[in-house]
C-alpha atoms as a PDB file:
ATOM      1  CA  MET A   1      14.452  -1.007  24.498  1.00  0.00           C
ATOM      2  CA  PRO A   2      15.200   1.799  21.981  1.00  0.00           C
ATOM      3  CA  THR A   3      12.585   4.511  21.571  1.00  0.00           C
ATOM      4  CA  ALA A   4      11.525   6.258  18.367  1.00  0.00           C
ATOM      5  CA  SER A   5      13.799   9.182  19.266  1.00  0.00           C
ATOM      6  CA  ASP A   6      16.752   6.761  19.598  1.00  0.00           C
ATOM      7  CA  ALA A   7      16.100   5.296  16.124  1.00  0.00           C
ATOM      8  CA  PRO A   8      14.414   8.013  14.056  1.00  0.00           C
ATOM      9  CA  PHE A   9      14.873   6.073  10.813  1.00  0.00           C
ATOM     10  CA  SER A  10      13.394   2.764  11.986  1.00  0.00           C
ATOM     11  CA  TYR A  11       9.960   3.594  10.480  1.00  0.00           C
ATOM     12  CA  ASP A  12       8.054   1.071  12.576  1.00  0.00           C
ATOM     13  CA  GLY A  13       4.805   2.253  10.969  1.00  0.00           C
ATOM     14  CA  LEU A  14       5.767   0.766   7.595  1.00  0.00           C
ATOM     15  CA  ASP A  15       3.271  -2.062   7.895  1.00  0.00           C
ATOM     16  CA  ARG A  16       4.823  -5.230   6.414  1.00  0.00           C
ATOM     17  CA  VAL A  17       1.440  -6.509   5.281  1.00  0.00           C
ATOM     18  CA  ILE A  18       0.875  -3.387   3.169  1.00  0.00           C
ATOM     19  CA  HIS A  19       4.483  -2.640   2.189  1.00  0.00           C
ATOM     20  CA  GLU A  20       4.812  -5.523  -0.313  1.00  0.00           C
ATOM     21  CA  LYS A  21       4.554  -4.093  -3.864  1.00  0.00           C
ATOM     22  CA  ALA A  22       1.472  -6.010  -5.042  1.00  0.00           C
ATOM     23  CA  ARG A  23      -0.438  -5.407  -1.795  1.00  0.00           C
ATOM     24  CA  LEU A  24       0.492  -1.723  -1.890  1.00  0.00           C
ATOM     25  CA  SER A  25      -0.973  -1.658  -5.398  1.00  0.00           C
ATOM     26  CA  VAL A  26      -4.177  -3.342  -4.201  1.00  0.00           C
ATOM     27  CA  MET A  27      -4.553  -0.968  -1.255  1.00  0.00           C
ATOM     28  CA  THR A  28      -3.940   2.103  -3.434  1.00  0.00           C
ATOM     29  CA  SER A  29      -6.478   0.887  -5.996  1.00  0.00           C
ATOM     30  CA  LEU A  30      -9.088   0.237  -3.325  1.00  0.00           C
ATOM     31  CA  ILE A  31      -8.625   3.531  -1.484  1.00  0.00           C
ATOM     32  CA  SER A  32      -9.150   5.225  -4.863  1.00  0.00           C
ATOM     33  CA  HIS A  33     -12.472   3.352  -5.249  1.00  0.00           C
ATOM     34  CA  PRO A  34     -14.347   3.615  -1.928  1.00  0.00           C
ATOM     35  CA  ASP A  35     -17.247   1.474  -3.179  1.00  0.00           C
ATOM     36  CA  GLY A  36     -14.838  -1.343  -3.995  1.00  0.00           C
ATOM     37  CA  LEU A  37     -13.825  -2.994  -7.236  1.00  0.00           C
ATOM     38  CA  ALA A  38     -14.712  -6.134  -9.101  1.00  0.00           C
ATOM     39  CA  PHE A  39     -11.914  -8.697  -8.981  1.00  0.00           C
ATOM     40  CA  ASN A  40     -11.198  -8.337 -12.722  1.00  0.00           C
ATOM     41  CA  GLU A  41     -11.033  -4.541 -12.509  1.00  0.00           C
ATOM     42  CA  LEU A  42      -8.655  -4.789  -9.569  1.00  0.00           C
ATOM     43  CA  LYS A  43      -6.549  -7.356 -11.427  1.00  0.00           C
ATOM     44  CA  LYS A  44      -6.258  -5.016 -14.412  1.00  0.00           C
ATOM     45  CA  LEU A  45      -5.384  -1.947 -12.307  1.00  0.00           C
ATOM     46  CA  CYS A  46      -2.685  -3.842 -10.413  1.00  0.00           C
ATOM     47  CA  GLY A  47      -1.281  -5.772 -13.367  1.00  0.00           C
ATOM     48  CA  LEU A  48      -1.544  -9.100 -11.553  1.00  0.00           C
ATOM     49  CA  THR A  49      -2.633 -12.584 -12.544  1.00  0.00           C
ATOM     50  CA  ASP A  50      -5.760 -14.195 -11.075  1.00  0.00           C
ATOM     51  CA  GLY A  51      -3.770 -16.406  -8.731  1.00  0.00           C
ATOM     52  CA  ASN A  52      -1.352 -13.691  -7.647  1.00  0.00           C
ATOM     53  CA  LEU A  53      -4.137 -11.198  -6.914  1.00  0.00           C
ATOM     54  CA  SER A  54      -6.157 -13.854  -5.126  1.00  0.00           C
ATOM     55  CA  ARG A  55      -3.268 -14.665  -2.795  1.00  0.00           C
ATOM     56  CA  HIS A  56      -2.493 -11.023  -1.993  1.00  0.00           C
ATOM     57  CA  VAL A  57      -6.162 -10.229  -1.385  1.00  0.00           C
ATOM     58  CA  GLN A  58      -6.308 -13.253   0.927  1.00  0.00           C
ATOM     59  CA  VAL A  59      -3.388 -11.896   2.987  1.00  0.00           C
ATOM     60  CA  LEU A  60      -5.041  -8.469   3.205  1.00  0.00           C
ATOM     61  CA  ALA A  61      -8.405 -10.017   4.126  1.00  0.00           C
ATOM     62  CA  GLU A  62      -6.823 -12.183   6.853  1.00  0.00           C
ATOM     63  CA  ALA A  63      -5.289  -8.991   8.279  1.00  0.00           C
ATOM     64  CA  GLY A  64      -8.731  -7.358   8.323  1.00  0.00           C
ATOM     65  CA  LEU A  65      -7.765  -4.705   5.770  1.00  0.00           C
ATOM     66  CA  VAL A  66      -9.917  -5.843   2.838  1.00  0.00           C
ATOM     67  CA  ALA A  67     -13.399  -7.329   2.644  1.00  0.00           C
ATOM     68  CA  VAL A  68     -14.142  -9.825  -0.124  1.00  0.00           C
ATOM     69  CA  HIS A  69     -17.718 -10.160  -1.341  1.00  0.00           C
ATOM     70  CA  LYS A  70     -18.670 -13.198  -3.413  1.00  0.00           C
ATOM     71  CA  GLY A  71     -21.981 -13.465  -5.164  1.00  0.00           C
ATOM     72  CA  TYR A  72     -23.611 -13.590  -8.554  1.00  0.00           C
ATOM     73  CA  GLU A  73     -24.465 -11.078 -11.239  1.00  0.00           C
ATOM     74  CA  GLY A  74     -27.120 -12.855 -13.213  1.00  0.00           C
ATOM     75  CA  ASN A  75     -25.868 -16.419 -13.475  1.00  0.00           C
ATOM     76  CA  ARG A  76     -22.194 -15.488 -13.360  1.00  0.00           C
ATOM     77  CA  PRO A  77     -20.042 -15.562 -10.226  1.00  0.00           C
ATOM     78  CA  HIS A  78     -18.945 -12.089  -9.134  1.00  0.00           C
ATOM     79  CA  THR A  79     -16.215 -11.264  -6.612  1.00  0.00           C
ATOM     80  CA  SER A  80     -15.522  -7.752  -5.405  1.00  0.00           C
ATOM     81  CA  CYS A  81     -13.119  -6.284  -2.891  1.00  0.00           C
ATOM     82  CA  ALA A  82     -13.261  -3.162  -0.753  1.00  0.00           C
ATOM     83  CA  LEU A  83     -11.241  -1.654   2.066  1.00  0.00           C
ATOM     84  CA  THR A  84     -12.605  -2.209   5.529  1.00  0.00           C
ATOM     85  CA  PRO A  85     -12.801   0.845   7.829  1.00  0.00           C
ATOM     86  CA  ALA A  86      -9.808  -0.554   9.736  1.00  0.00           C
ATOM     87  CA  GLY A  87      -7.994  -1.115   6.422  1.00  0.00           C
ATOM     88  CA  ARG A  88      -8.561   2.475   5.397  1.00  0.00           C
ATOM     89  CA  GLU A  89      -7.256   3.736   8.739  1.00  0.00           C
ATOM     90  CA  ARG A  90      -4.185   1.481   8.686  1.00  0.00           C
ATOM     91  CA  PHE A  91      -3.407   2.458   5.095  1.00  0.00           C
ATOM     92  CA  LEU A  92      -3.631   6.178   5.891  1.00  0.00           C
ATOM     93  CA  ASP A  93      -1.322   5.624   8.894  1.00  0.00           C
ATOM     94  CA  TYR A  94       1.077   3.749   6.592  1.00  0.00           C
ATOM     95  CA  LEU A  95       1.009   6.636   4.083  1.00  0.00           C
ATOM     96  CA  ASN A  96       1.865   9.130   6.837  1.00  0.00           C
ATOM     97  CA  VAL A  97       4.966   7.109   7.721  1.00  0.00           C
ATOM     98  CA  LEU A  98       5.880   6.733   4.043  1.00  0.00           C
ATOM     99  CA  GLU A  99       5.622  10.510   3.619  1.00  0.00           C
ATOM    100  CA  GLN A 100       8.050  10.895   6.541  1.00  0.00           C
ATOM    101  CA  VAL A 101      10.482   8.534   4.787  1.00  0.00           C
ATOM    102  CA  VAL A 102      10.321  10.724   1.667  1.00  0.00           C
ATOM    103  CA  ARG A 103      10.780  13.938   3.681  1.00  0.00           C
ATOM    104  CA  ASN A 104      13.781  12.499   5.528  1.00  0.00           C
ATOM    105  CA  ALA A 105      15.388  11.171   2.357  1.00  0.00           C
ATOM    106  CA  SER A 106      14.789  14.440   0.521  1.00  0.00           C
ATOM    107  CA  SER A 107      16.309  16.486   3.353  1.00  0.00           C
ATOM    108  CA  ALA A 108      19.330  14.196   3.516  1.00  0.00           C
ATOM    109  CA  ALA A 109      19.829  14.392  -0.252  1.00  0.00           C
ATOM    110  CA  GLU A 110      19.737  18.208  -0.134  1.00  0.00           C
ATOM    111  CA  GLU A 111      22.306  18.253   2.687  1.00  0.00           C
ATOM    112  CA  THR A 112      24.827  16.115   0.774  1.00  0.00           C
ATOM    113  CA  PRO A 113      25.465  17.829  -2.572  1.00  0.00           C
ATOM    114  CA  ALA A 114      28.353  15.532  -3.521  1.00  0.00           C
ATOM    115  CA  ALA A 115      26.137  12.460  -3.255  1.00  0.00           C
ATOM    116  CA  SER A 116      23.265  14.080  -5.151  1.00  0.00           C
ATOM    117  CA  SER A 117      25.544  15.061  -8.043  1.00  0.00           C
ATOM    118  CA  ARG A 118      26.607  11.421  -8.445  1.00  0.00           C
ATOM    119  CA  THR A 119      23.127   9.948  -8.479  1.00  0.00           C
ATOM    120  CA  GLY A 120      20.929  12.809  -9.622  1.00  0.00           C
ATOM    121  CA  LYS A 121      18.942  15.030  -7.287  1.00  0.00           C
ATOM    122  CA  PHE A 122      16.105  13.294  -5.467  1.00  0.00           C
ATOM    123  CA  LYS A 123      12.825  15.019  -6.213  1.00  0.00           C
ATOM    124  CA  PRO A 124       9.741  13.611  -4.490  1.00  0.00           C
ATOM    125  CA  ALA A 125       6.551  13.667  -6.514  1.00  0.00           C
END
């Protein structure tokens, strides 16, 4: 069984549940709003349709990363979503691995000037 030192670029911490683009958008939106967001606000921030957001939130909720609260505001149904404590922790772990990916890619790009001149120099944000 290979160890992390045998495969330094395997990035096992890139959580597949989070790594999908729409779910990454949901997680980033929710970590930016610790009190949670109404479904429609989250939909707007992520640029998703009702059905698409609903499905991605369901996947995140089944993984224990997001809590969904359904209720009423006045007579109108109201759904909100928030990160669970475990979701926050897993997302921060994911971000640490993603930062390592960026550091490794940036270092590699700086070490290969011929490749960077063909594609433009990689500059992490």
